[in-house]
Protein backbone atom coordinates (compact mmCIF):
# COMPACT_ATOMS: atom_id res chain seq x y z
CA UNK A 1 -71.96 -17.55 -1.19
CA UNK A 2 -71.97 -16.65 2.49
CA UNK A 3 -69.84 -15.07 5.17
CA UNK A 4 -69.93 -16.28 8.77
CA UNK A 5 -68.34 -14.94 11.90
CA UNK A 6 -67.93 -16.94 15.13
CA UNK A 7 -66.40 -16.26 18.50
CA UNK A 8 -65.57 -19.06 20.93
CA UNK A 9 -65.54 -18.35 24.64
CA UNK A 10 -64.25 -20.58 27.42
CA UNK A 11 -66.26 -20.45 30.63
CA UNK A 12 -64.84 -21.35 34.02
CA UNK A 13 -67.12 -24.41 34.21
CA UNK A 14 -65.54 -25.83 31.02
CA UNK A 15 -68.37 -25.16 28.58
CA UNK A 16 -67.53 -23.57 25.25
CA UNK A 17 -70.27 -21.20 24.03
CA UNK A 18 -69.84 -20.03 20.44
CA UNK A 19 -72.24 -17.37 19.09
CA UNK A 20 -72.29 -16.84 15.35
CA UNK A 21 -73.88 -14.76 12.60
CA UNK A 22 -74.04 -15.46 8.88
CA UNK A 23 -75.19 -13.51 5.83
CA UNK A 24 -75.49 -15.08 2.42
CA UNK A 25 -76.48 -14.61 -1.19
CA UNK A 26 -78.16 -17.32 -3.24
CA UNK A 27 -78.35 -17.38 -7.02
CA UNK A 28 -80.73 -19.71 -8.81
CA UNK A 29 -79.26 -20.66 -12.18
CA UNK A 30 -82.14 -22.88 -13.27
CA UNK A 31 -85.66 -21.78 -12.34
CA UNK A 32 -88.66 -23.74 -13.60
CA UNK A 33 -91.36 -21.67 -15.29
CA UNK A 34 -88.96 -18.70 -15.51
CA UNK A 35 -89.16 -18.30 -11.72
CA UNK A 36 -92.91 -17.69 -11.64
CA UNK A 37 -94.93 -19.23 -8.82
CA UNK A 38 -98.58 -19.19 -7.81
CA UNK A 39 -99.24 -16.42 -5.26
CA UNK A 40 -101.86 -15.85 -2.55
CA UNK A 41 -104.68 -15.08 -4.98
CA UNK A 42 -103.83 -17.95 -7.34
CA UNK A 43 -102.05 -15.58 -9.72
CA UNK A 44 -98.57 -16.04 -11.17
CA UNK A 45 -95.87 -14.01 -9.41
CA UNK A 46 -92.26 -13.53 -10.42
CA UNK A 47 -89.46 -14.46 -8.06
CA UNK A 48 -85.95 -13.04 -7.92
CA UNK A 49 -83.06 -15.02 -9.38
CA UNK A 50 -80.78 -13.69 -6.61
CA UNK A 51 -81.85 -13.53 -2.96
CA UNK A 52 -80.19 -13.08 0.40
CA UNK A 53 -80.53 -14.59 3.85
CA UNK A 54 -79.30 -13.99 7.39
CA UNK A 55 -78.87 -16.36 10.30
CA UNK A 56 -77.73 -16.08 13.92
CA UNK A 57 -77.26 -18.70 16.57
CA UNK A 58 -75.40 -20.21 19.46
CA UNK A 59 -73.50 -23.48 19.70
CA UNK A 60 -72.44 -24.71 23.15
CA UNK A 61 -70.10 -27.64 23.75
CA UNK A 62 -70.69 -29.12 27.17
CA UNK A 63 -68.09 -30.60 29.51
CA UNK A 64 -69.36 -34.18 29.10
CA UNK A 65 -69.08 -34.01 25.32
CA UNK A 66 -72.66 -33.00 24.62
CA UNK A 67 -73.58 -30.18 22.33
CA UNK A 68 -76.47 -27.73 22.12
CA UNK A 69 -77.20 -25.82 18.91
CA UNK A 70 -79.79 -23.12 18.35
CA UNK A 71 -80.26 -20.88 15.33
CA UNK A 72 -82.81 -18.56 13.75
CA UNK A 73 -82.84 -17.19 10.25
CA UNK A 74 -84.65 -15.12 7.68
CA UNK A 75 -84.51 -15.84 3.97
CA UNK A 76 -85.70 -14.37 0.71
CA UNK A 77 -84.18 -10.92 1.16
CA UNK A 78 -84.79 -9.21 -2.15
CA UNK A 79 -87.93 -11.18 -3.02
CA UNK A 80 -91.08 -9.11 -3.22
CA UNK A 81 -93.86 -10.56 -1.10
CA UNK A 82 -92.05 -13.77 -0.18
CA UNK A 83 -90.75 -14.37 3.32
CA UNK A 84 -89.08 -17.38 4.85
CA UNK A 85 -88.34 -17.72 8.55
CA UNK A 86 -86.66 -20.69 10.18
CA UNK A 87 -85.42 -21.94 13.51
CA UNK A 88 -83.50 -25.01 14.69
CA UNK A 89 -82.90 -26.40 18.17
CA UNK A 90 -80.72 -29.48 18.56
CA UNK A 91 -79.11 -31.34 21.43
CA UNK A 92 -76.71 -34.22 21.04
CA UNK A 93 -74.97 -36.55 23.49
CA UNK A 94 -72.07 -38.86 22.69
CA UNK A 95 -72.48 -42.57 23.50
């Protein structure tokens, strides 16, 4: 389950920048080994059955039809000792 907010702007040169932010909650209904994983010191650690994540980014539609997307995120909110960071950069051109 997540909630996202976006705001589209129209620049005078015709590009359409659209910043966004998202916050979400993830629930794991089936977790192998009761959600235990091997930690840093090769010991079993418990993981949370419900975690959260946040993400922010910018999508820009260009005049010629191209598109640029960039986003960064952090996951595993609510998990002790586990952290997950991510980033995506993408550029597409129509043909």
